[in-house]
Amino acid sequence: PGYAIYDRPFSRSRSPKPKGRAGRRRGAKGGAEGPDGRRFKPHHTTTVPKVTDLEAKFSSGVDSPATTAMLRNIPNKYTQEHLLEEIDAQGFSGSYDFFYLPIDVKNNANVGYAFINFTHAHDFARFCADFKDYHFKRSGSKKIATVSPATVQGLQQNIENLMRKRVAQGQHGPVLLHEGRRIDLDEAVKIYKNN
């Protein structure tokens, strides 16, 4: 009493099983077909730039030289301070004006990548060379770093990008430097607008 008896195999899905061809959404070449018959293409396949595309764009000299790096494969237990200490120990202290290591506050861990904007393109190039295949020193991690030009380039564009997003402030927020001292995002916006 009170329990339904099922004569079909157990399934974890709560979704009803599709009936006939109408329930079939996958096409022969991948992707899915919407109710209007058009093919669905996942957002990330068209909008996420490829590393090689970015490298070609910035190495061609068409745009201004790259200054913002994306450092990947950062051990998740690294804090902003840990990573900044390690970057500074490699000789980059005073060469950047923007640093952001996104933190998953729920898990109290970083998300594995960071953005660093250098004040000069030659520091960016040196950082890319020094941190390519870099072995992180703390936490006994076996992760090996990769570096590439970030999609968003330059201090101004990074500040504007953060203003459009809901980004943590305080200890988990971005590090912005002006004339050698740390400033918060609001102060950086004021300084930027006055220049």
Protein backbone atom coordinates (compact mmCIF):
# COMPACT_ATOMS: atom_id res chain seq x y z
CA PRO A 1 0.00 0.00 0.00
CA GLY A 2 1.27 3.44 -0.91
CA TYR A 3 4.08 2.15 -3.17
CA ALA A 4 3.76 2.03 -6.93
CA ILE A 5 4.93 -1.09 -8.70
CA TYR A 6 6.86 -0.48 -11.88
CA ASP A 7 7.17 -3.05 -14.59
CA ARG A 8 10.01 -1.23 -16.40
CA PRO A 9 13.70 -1.08 -15.38
CA PHE A 10 14.64 1.45 -12.73
CA SER A 11 15.82 4.84 -14.04
CA ARG A 12 17.31 7.68 -12.02
CA SER A 13 15.84 10.26 -14.39
CA ARG A 14 12.66 12.02 -13.38
CA SER A 15 12.11 13.21 -16.90
CA PRO A 16 9.47 11.41 -18.95
CA LYS A 17 10.81 9.19 -21.68
CA PRO A 18 10.52 10.75 -25.16
CA LYS A 19 7.86 9.26 -27.42
CA GLY A 20 8.77 8.51 -31.01
CA ARG A 21 10.77 10.89 -33.24
CA ALA A 22 9.40 14.06 -31.60
CA GLY A 23 11.37 13.34 -28.44
CA ARG A 24 14.59 12.78 -30.33
CA ARG A 25 16.70 15.93 -30.20
CA ARG A 26 20.20 14.90 -31.16
CA GLY A 27 21.14 15.22 -34.80
CA ALA A 28 23.51 12.97 -36.68
CA LYS A 29 26.33 15.51 -36.48
CA GLY A 30 25.95 16.38 -32.78
CA GLY A 31 24.27 19.47 -31.47
CA ALA A 32 20.55 19.46 -30.91
CA GLU A 33 17.53 20.41 -32.89
CA GLY A 34 15.09 22.87 -31.37
CA PRO A 35 11.29 22.78 -31.62
CA ASP A 36 11.41 25.04 -34.69
CA GLY A 37 13.72 22.58 -36.51
CA ARG A 38 16.84 24.77 -36.30
CA ARG A 39 20.09 23.31 -35.01
CA PHE A 40 21.18 24.42 -31.57
CA LYS A 41 24.85 25.31 -31.28
CA PRO A 42 26.30 25.52 -27.76
CA HIS A 43 27.29 29.08 -26.82
CA HIS A 44 30.86 28.17 -25.89
CA THR A 45 31.66 26.74 -29.32
CA THR A 46 31.31 30.12 -30.99
CA THR A 47 32.20 32.70 -28.37
CA VAL A 48 35.11 31.28 -26.39
CA PRO A 49 38.30 32.27 -28.20
CA LYS A 50 40.97 29.67 -28.80
CA VAL A 51 44.42 30.19 -27.29
CA THR A 52 46.07 30.00 -30.70
CA ASP A 53 43.73 32.69 -32.07
CA LEU A 54 44.70 35.05 -29.24
CA GLU A 55 48.40 34.33 -29.65
CA ALA A 56 48.16 35.01 -33.39
CA LYS A 57 46.20 38.22 -32.82
CA PHE A 58 48.70 39.70 -30.38
CA SER A 59 51.85 38.43 -32.05
CA SER A 60 50.81 39.88 -35.43
CA GLY A 61 51.26 43.43 -34.14
CA VAL A 62 47.91 44.52 -35.64
CA ASP A 63 46.55 45.52 -32.23
CA SER A 64 48.64 46.99 -29.45
CA PRO A 65 50.90 44.40 -27.81
CA ALA A 66 49.41 42.15 -25.16
CA THR A 67 49.91 43.11 -21.53
CA THR A 68 47.32 40.93 -19.73
CA ALA A 69 48.14 37.28 -19.12
CA MET A 70 45.87 34.44 -18.12
CA LEU A 71 47.70 31.99 -15.85
CA ARG A 72 46.05 28.56 -15.70
CA ASN A 73 46.31 25.31 -13.71
CA ILE A 74 46.81 27.12 -10.40
CA PRO A 75 46.47 24.74 -7.43
CA ASN A 76 43.04 25.36 -5.90
CA LYS A 77 44.31 25.99 -2.37
CA TYR A 78 46.47 28.96 -3.45
CA THR A 79 45.24 32.28 -2.10
CA GLN A 80 45.84 35.62 -3.78
CA GLU A 81 48.65 36.33 -1.34
CA HIS A 82 50.33 32.96 -1.98
CA LEU A 83 50.26 33.44 -5.74
CA LEU A 84 51.38 37.08 -5.59
CA GLU A 85 54.31 36.10 -3.34
CA GLU A 86 55.35 33.43 -5.84
CA ILE A 87 55.02 35.81 -8.82
CA ASP A 88 56.95 38.54 -7.00
CA ALA A 89 59.67 36.03 -6.00
CA GLN A 90 60.22 35.38 -9.73
CA GLY A 91 61.15 39.06 -10.19
CA PHE A 92 57.80 40.62 -11.16
CA SER A 93 57.22 42.83 -8.12
CA GLY A 94 56.19 46.31 -9.24
CA SER A 95 55.68 45.28 -12.88
CA TYR A 96 51.89 44.78 -12.80
CA ASP A 97 48.94 47.01 -11.96
CA PHE A 98 46.11 44.47 -11.97
CA PHE A 99 45.79 40.96 -10.54
CA TYR A 100 42.66 38.87 -10.17
CA LEU A 101 42.41 35.31 -8.88
CA PRO A 102 38.70 34.39 -8.89
CA ILE A 103 37.71 32.57 -5.70
CA ASP A 104 34.85 30.14 -5.22
CA VAL A 105 33.74 31.50 -1.85
CA LYS A 106 31.47 28.54 -1.17
CA ASN A 107 34.39 26.11 -1.34
CA ASN A 108 37.01 28.65 -0.20
CA ALA A 109 39.25 27.74 -3.14
CA ASN A 110 40.40 29.51 -6.29
CA VAL A 111 38.95 28.42 -9.62
CA GLY A 112 42.33 27.53 -11.16
CA TYR A 113 43.19 30.61 -13.21
CA ALA A 114 44.23 34.23 -12.69
CA PHE A 115 44.61 37.42 -14.73
CA ILE A 116 47.64 39.70 -14.45
CA ASN A 117 48.06 42.96 -16.35
CA PHE A 118 51.62 44.17 -16.77
CA THR A 119 52.51 47.82 -17.23
CA HIS A 120 54.89 46.98 -20.10
CA ALA A 121 54.63 44.42 -22.90
CA HIS A 122 58.20 43.19 -22.27
CA ASP A 123 57.21 42.20 -18.69
CA PHE A 124 54.22 40.35 -20.11
CA ALA A 125 56.53 38.47 -22.53
CA ARG A 126 58.98 37.65 -19.74
CA PHE A 127 56.13 36.41 -17.51
CA CYS A 128 54.85 34.16 -20.30
CA ALA A 129 58.32 32.69 -20.77
CA ASP A 130 59.00 32.24 -17.03
CA PHE A 131 55.61 30.72 -16.17
CA LYS A 132 55.25 28.43 -19.19
CA ASP A 133 55.38 24.88 -17.76
CA TYR A 134 56.00 26.40 -14.30
CA HIS A 135 55.83 24.06 -11.29
CA PHE A 136 54.09 25.76 -8.37
CA LYS A 137 56.14 25.76 -5.15
CA ARG A 138 53.46 25.53 -2.45
CA SER A 139 51.05 22.78 -1.44
CA GLY A 140 53.01 19.94 -3.06
CA SER A 141 50.86 20.19 -6.16
CA LYS A 142 51.92 18.50 -9.39
CA LYS A 143 50.02 21.02 -11.51
CA ILE A 144 51.99 22.65 -14.30
CA ALA A 145 51.12 26.21 -15.29
CA THR A 146 50.15 27.40 -18.73
CA VAL A 147 50.07 31.04 -19.80
CA SER A 148 48.33 32.78 -22.66
CA PRO A 149 47.15 36.29 -23.56
CA ALA A 150 43.83 37.04 -21.85
CA THR A 151 40.77 37.90 -23.90
CA VAL A 152 40.43 41.25 -22.10
CA GLN A 153 43.61 43.30 -22.49
CA GLY A 154 44.87 46.35 -20.57
CA LEU A 155 44.14 47.93 -17.21
CA GLN A 156 41.27 50.11 -18.44
CA GLN A 157 39.48 47.23 -20.17
CA ASN A 158 39.95 44.93 -17.16
CA ILE A 159 38.47 47.57 -14.82
CA GLU A 160 35.51 48.10 -17.19
CA ASN A 161 35.04 44.33 -17.46
CA LEU A 162 34.92 43.95 -13.67
CA MET A 163 32.45 46.82 -13.34
CA ARG A 164 30.03 44.97 -15.64
CA LYS A 165 30.25 41.82 -13.53
CA ARG A 166 29.41 41.09 -9.96
CA VAL A 167 32.87 40.52 -8.54
CA ALA A 168 33.80 39.87 -4.94
CA GLN A 169 35.44 42.73 -3.08
CA GLY A 170 37.73 42.74 -0.07
CA GLN A 171 40.08 39.81 0.45
CA HIS A 172 38.71 37.92 -2.58
CA GLY A 173 38.46 40.90 -4.88
CA PRO A 174 40.88 42.01 -7.58
CA VAL A 175 44.19 43.60 -6.62
CA LEU A 176 44.66 46.99 -8.27
CA LEU A 177 47.85 48.98 -7.85
CA HIS A 178 48.35 52.70 -8.43
CA GLU A 179 51.74 54.33 -7.85
CA GLY A 180 52.88 51.32 -5.82
CA ARG A 181 49.91 51.12 -3.44
CA ARG A 182 46.84 48.89 -3.43
CA ILE A 183 43.54 50.53 -4.22
CA ASP A 184 40.00 49.18 -4.39
CA LEU A 185 37.92 48.93 -7.55
CA ASP A 186 35.87 52.07 -6.83
CA GLU A 187 39.01 54.16 -6.34
CA ALA A 188 40.52 52.74 -9.53
CA VAL A 189 37.41 53.77 -11.48
CA LYS A 190 37.67 57.33 -10.11
CA ILE A 191 41.39 57.54 -10.98
CA TYR A 192 40.75 56.14 -14.44
CA LYS A 193 37.91 58.60 -15.15
CA ASN A 194 40.04 61.57 -14.03
CA ASN A 195 42.90 60.67 -16.39
